[in-house]
């Protein structure tokens, strides 16, 4: 399955490392990434791929909660099909 993950929060050291480490632990492959910092606000969008029989969106969201809390981030993930449908309207 393909999904889009967004990560936002105040910029600080370790954001990318903590997010990508958590994804690697779930065996989630990062296919594409875009990130920027605007006025000390960090934003990253990732296109990821994973085996839906091993990880589903709900499990991934739950697994990312400790990263959100420890890093002070907001992390969202949704299927790429849903993301595309919503953004085409």
N, C-alpha and C. Protein backbone atom coordinates (compact mmCIF):
# COMPACT_ATOMS: atom_id res chain seq x y z
N UNK A 1 0.84 -1.17 0.00
CA UNK A 1 0.00 0.00 0.00
C UNK A 1 0.88 1.23 0.00
N UNK A 2 0.40 2.28 -0.65
CA UNK A 2 1.08 3.56 -0.65
C UNK A 2 0.32 4.52 0.25
N UNK A 3 1.07 5.38 0.95
CA UNK A 3 0.44 6.35 1.84
C UNK A 3 1.25 7.65 1.83
N UNK A 4 0.58 8.70 2.27
CA UNK A 4 1.22 10.01 2.42
C UNK A 4 1.26 10.35 3.90
N UNK A 5 2.44 10.69 4.38
CA UNK A 5 2.62 11.08 5.79
C UNK A 5 3.08 12.53 5.83
N UNK A 6 2.48 13.31 6.70
CA UNK A 6 2.92 14.69 6.91
C UNK A 6 3.41 14.83 8.34
N UNK A 7 4.47 15.61 8.49
CA UNK A 7 5.09 15.85 9.80
C UNK A 7 5.27 17.35 9.94
N UNK A 8 4.74 17.93 11.01
CA UNK A 8 4.89 19.37 11.22
C UNK A 8 5.21 19.64 12.68
N UNK A 9 5.92 20.74 12.90
CA UNK A 9 6.25 21.16 14.26
C UNK A 9 7.35 22.20 14.25
N UNK A 10 7.67 22.71 15.43
CA UNK A 10 8.76 23.67 15.57
C UNK A 10 10.06 22.94 15.25
N UNK A 11 10.90 23.57 14.44
CA UNK A 11 12.14 22.94 14.01
C UNK A 11 13.10 22.72 15.18
N UNK A 12 13.73 21.56 15.19
CA UNK A 12 14.78 21.25 16.15
C UNK A 12 15.55 20.02 15.66
N UNK A 13 16.68 19.78 16.24
CA UNK A 13 17.53 18.67 15.86
C UNK A 13 16.84 17.34 16.15
N UNK A 14 16.91 16.42 15.21
CA UNK A 14 16.46 15.06 15.45
C UNK A 14 15.10 14.69 14.88
N UNK A 15 14.40 15.63 14.27
CA UNK A 15 13.06 15.31 13.75
C UNK A 15 13.14 14.22 12.68
N UNK A 16 13.93 14.44 11.67
CA UNK A 16 14.01 13.47 10.57
C UNK A 16 14.50 12.13 11.09
N UNK A 17 15.49 12.14 11.95
CA UNK A 17 16.04 10.89 12.50
C UNK A 17 14.97 10.12 13.27
N UNK A 18 14.21 10.79 14.10
CA UNK A 18 13.22 10.08 14.90
C UNK A 18 12.08 9.52 14.05
N UNK A 19 11.63 10.29 13.07
CA UNK A 19 10.54 9.82 12.20
C UNK A 19 11.01 8.66 11.34
N UNK A 20 12.15 8.80 10.70
CA UNK A 20 12.61 7.74 9.78
C UNK A 20 13.03 6.48 10.53
N UNK A 21 13.54 6.61 11.74
CA UNK A 21 13.87 5.43 12.54
C UNK A 21 12.61 4.65 12.89
N UNK A 22 11.56 5.35 13.29
CA UNK A 22 10.29 4.69 13.62
C UNK A 22 9.72 3.99 12.39
N UNK A 23 9.82 4.62 11.22
CA UNK A 23 9.33 4.00 10.00
C UNK A 23 10.15 2.76 9.65
N UNK A 24 11.45 2.84 9.80
CA UNK A 24 12.32 1.69 9.50
C UNK A 24 12.00 0.51 10.43
N UNK A 25 11.72 0.79 11.69
CA UNK A 25 11.37 -0.26 12.64
C UNK A 25 10.08 -0.98 12.24
N UNK A 26 9.21 -0.28 11.51
CA UNK A 26 7.96 -0.88 11.02
C UNK A 26 8.12 -1.48 9.63
N UNK A 27 9.33 -1.46 9.09
CA UNK A 27 9.62 -1.95 7.74
C UNK A 27 8.83 -1.19 6.68
N UNK A 28 8.76 0.12 6.87
CA UNK A 28 8.07 1.00 5.93
C UNK A 28 9.12 1.69 5.06
N UNK A 29 8.94 1.58 3.75
CA UNK A 29 9.90 2.15 2.80
C UNK A 29 9.49 3.58 2.43
N UNK A 30 10.44 4.49 2.49
CA UNK A 30 10.21 5.87 2.07
C UNK A 30 10.53 5.97 0.59
N UNK A 31 9.53 6.32 -0.21
CA UNK A 31 9.71 6.41 -1.65
C UNK A 31 10.09 7.81 -2.10
N UNK A 32 9.58 8.81 -1.39
CA UNK A 32 9.85 10.20 -1.75
C UNK A 32 9.68 11.05 -0.50
N UNK A 33 10.42 12.13 -0.42
CA UNK A 33 10.33 13.01 0.74
C UNK A 33 10.58 14.45 0.30
N UNK A 34 9.83 15.34 0.90
CA UNK A 34 10.02 16.78 0.70
C UNK A 34 9.95 17.43 2.07
N UNK A 35 10.88 18.32 2.35
CA UNK A 35 10.84 19.00 3.63
C UNK A 35 11.30 20.43 3.48
N UNK A 36 10.78 21.27 4.36
CA UNK A 36 11.16 22.67 4.33
C UNK A 36 11.05 23.24 5.74
N UNK A 37 11.73 24.35 5.95
CA UNK A 37 11.64 25.07 7.21
C UNK A 37 11.28 26.51 6.87
N UNK A 38 10.19 26.98 7.45
CA UNK A 38 9.74 28.36 7.23
C UNK A 38 9.55 29.01 8.59
N UNK A 39 10.32 30.07 8.86
CA UNK A 39 10.21 30.79 10.13
C UNK A 39 10.25 29.84 11.32
N UNK A 40 11.21 28.93 11.36
CA UNK A 40 11.43 27.98 12.45
C UNK A 40 10.32 26.92 12.56
N UNK A 41 9.50 26.78 11.51
CA UNK A 41 8.45 25.76 11.49
C UNK A 41 8.83 24.70 10.46
N UNK A 42 8.96 23.46 10.92
CA UNK A 42 9.39 22.34 10.10
C UNK A 42 8.18 21.65 9.48
N UNK A 43 8.26 21.34 8.19
CA UNK A 43 7.22 20.58 7.50
C UNK A 43 7.88 19.54 6.61
N UNK A 44 7.38 18.30 6.70
CA UNK A 44 7.91 17.23 5.86
C UNK A 44 6.73 16.40 5.34
N UNK A 45 6.80 16.05 4.07
CA UNK A 45 5.81 15.19 3.45
C UNK A 45 6.56 13.97 2.91
N UNK A 46 6.07 12.79 3.26
CA UNK A 46 6.71 11.55 2.82
C UNK A 46 5.70 10.70 2.07
N UNK A 47 6.14 10.10 0.99
CA UNK A 47 5.35 9.07 0.29
C UNK A 47 5.98 7.75 0.70
N UNK A 48 5.18 6.90 1.31
CA UNK A 48 5.71 5.65 1.86
C UNK A 48 4.99 4.44 1.27
N UNK A 49 5.64 3.29 1.38
CA UNK A 49 5.07 2.04 0.91
C UNK A 49 5.25 0.99 2.00
N UNK A 50 4.21 0.18 2.21
CA UNK A 50 4.30 -0.87 3.22
C UNK A 50 3.34 -2.01 2.86
N UNK A 51 3.60 -3.15 3.48
CA UNK A 51 2.76 -4.32 3.30
C UNK A 51 1.55 -4.18 4.22
N UNK A 52 0.39 -4.00 3.65
CA UNK A 52 -0.83 -3.76 4.42
C UNK A 52 -1.22 -4.97 5.26
N UNK A 53 -0.75 -6.16 4.92
CA UNK A 53 -1.06 -7.33 5.73
C UNK A 53 -0.22 -7.36 7.02
N UNK A 54 0.86 -6.57 7.05
CA UNK A 54 1.71 -6.48 8.23
C UNK A 54 1.39 -5.23 9.04
N UNK A 55 1.27 -4.10 8.36
CA UNK A 55 0.97 -2.81 8.98
C UNK A 55 -0.22 -2.19 8.29
N UNK A 56 -1.16 -1.70 9.07
CA UNK A 56 -2.23 -0.91 8.48
C UNK A 56 -2.09 0.52 8.99
N UNK A 57 -2.89 1.42 8.45
CA UNK A 57 -2.79 2.85 8.80
C UNK A 57 -2.96 3.06 10.30
N UNK A 58 -3.91 2.35 10.91
CA UNK A 58 -4.16 2.51 12.35
C UNK A 58 -2.94 2.10 13.17
N UNK A 59 -2.32 1.01 12.81
CA UNK A 59 -1.12 0.55 13.54
C UNK A 59 0.03 1.54 13.38
N UNK A 60 0.18 2.07 12.19
CA UNK A 60 1.26 3.04 11.95
C UNK A 60 1.01 4.30 12.76
N UNK A 61 -0.23 4.80 12.76
CA UNK A 61 -0.56 5.99 13.56
C UNK A 61 -0.20 5.77 15.02
N UNK A 62 -0.57 4.62 15.55
CA UNK A 62 -0.29 4.29 16.95
C UNK A 62 1.22 4.24 17.21
N UNK A 63 1.95 3.66 16.29
CA UNK A 63 3.40 3.54 16.44
C UNK A 63 4.10 4.90 16.37
N UNK A 64 3.49 5.87 15.69
CA UNK A 64 4.10 7.19 15.56
C UNK A 64 3.76 8.11 16.74
N UNK A 65 2.82 7.72 17.58
CA UNK A 65 2.43 8.57 18.72
C UNK A 65 3.60 8.89 19.66
N UNK A 66 4.45 7.93 20.02
CA UNK A 66 5.60 8.29 20.87
C UNK A 66 6.55 9.30 20.22
N UNK A 67 6.69 9.22 18.90
CA UNK A 67 7.53 10.18 18.18
C UNK A 67 6.88 11.56 18.25
N UNK A 68 5.59 11.63 18.02
CA UNK A 68 4.86 12.91 18.13
C UNK A 68 5.09 13.53 19.51
N UNK A 69 4.90 12.73 20.54
CA UNK A 69 5.00 13.24 21.91
C UNK A 69 6.41 13.66 22.26
N UNK A 70 7.39 12.81 21.96
CA UNK A 70 8.77 13.12 22.35
C UNK A 70 9.36 14.27 21.56
N UNK A 71 8.91 14.44 20.31
CA UNK A 71 9.48 15.48 19.45
C UNK A 71 8.59 16.72 19.34
N UNK A 72 7.40 16.69 19.92
CA UNK A 72 6.49 17.84 19.83
C UNK A 72 6.00 18.07 18.41
N UNK A 73 5.60 17.00 17.73
CA UNK A 73 5.19 17.06 16.33
C UNK A 73 3.72 16.70 16.16
N UNK A 74 3.21 17.00 14.98
CA UNK A 74 1.93 16.48 14.54
C UNK A 74 2.24 15.61 13.32
N UNK A 75 1.91 14.33 13.42
CA UNK A 75 2.17 13.39 12.33
C UNK A 75 0.85 12.81 11.87
N UNK A 76 0.60 12.93 10.58
CA UNK A 76 -0.63 12.40 9.98
C UNK A 76 -0.24 11.44 8.86
N UNK A 77 -1.06 10.40 8.68
CA UNK A 77 -0.84 9.47 7.58
C UNK A 77 -2.19 9.06 7.02
N UNK A 78 -2.26 9.00 5.70
CA UNK A 78 -3.48 8.53 5.04
C UNK A 78 -3.10 7.82 3.74
N UNK A 79 -3.99 6.96 3.29
CA UNK A 79 -3.70 6.24 2.05
C UNK A 79 -3.49 7.24 0.93
N UNK A 80 -2.62 6.90 0.01
CA UNK A 80 -2.35 7.79 -1.12
C UNK A 80 -3.60 7.97 -1.96
N UNK A 81 -4.41 6.92 -2.10
CA UNK A 81 -5.64 7.03 -2.90
C UNK A 81 -6.59 8.06 -2.29
N UNK A 82 -6.74 8.04 -0.97
CA UNK A 82 -7.60 9.02 -0.30
C UNK A 82 -7.01 10.42 -0.43
N UNK A 83 -5.71 10.54 -0.21
CA UNK A 83 -5.04 11.83 -0.33
C UNK A 83 -5.24 12.42 -1.72
N UNK A 84 -5.06 11.61 -2.74
CA UNK A 84 -5.20 12.05 -4.13
C UNK A 84 -6.65 12.46 -4.41
N UNK A 85 -7.60 11.65 -3.98
CA UNK A 85 -9.02 11.95 -4.22
C UNK A 85 -9.41 13.27 -3.57
N UNK A 86 -9.00 13.50 -2.35
CA UNK A 86 -9.35 14.73 -1.63
C UNK A 86 -8.71 15.94 -2.27
N UNK A 87 -7.49 15.80 -2.73
CA UNK A 87 -6.78 16.95 -3.29
C UNK A 87 -7.08 17.22 -4.76
N UNK A 88 -7.83 16.36 -5.41
CA UNK A 88 -8.21 16.59 -6.80
C UNK A 88 -9.53 17.35 -6.90
N UNK A 89 -10.27 17.42 -5.83
CA UNK A 89 -11.58 18.09 -5.85
C UNK A 89 -11.41 19.59 -5.85
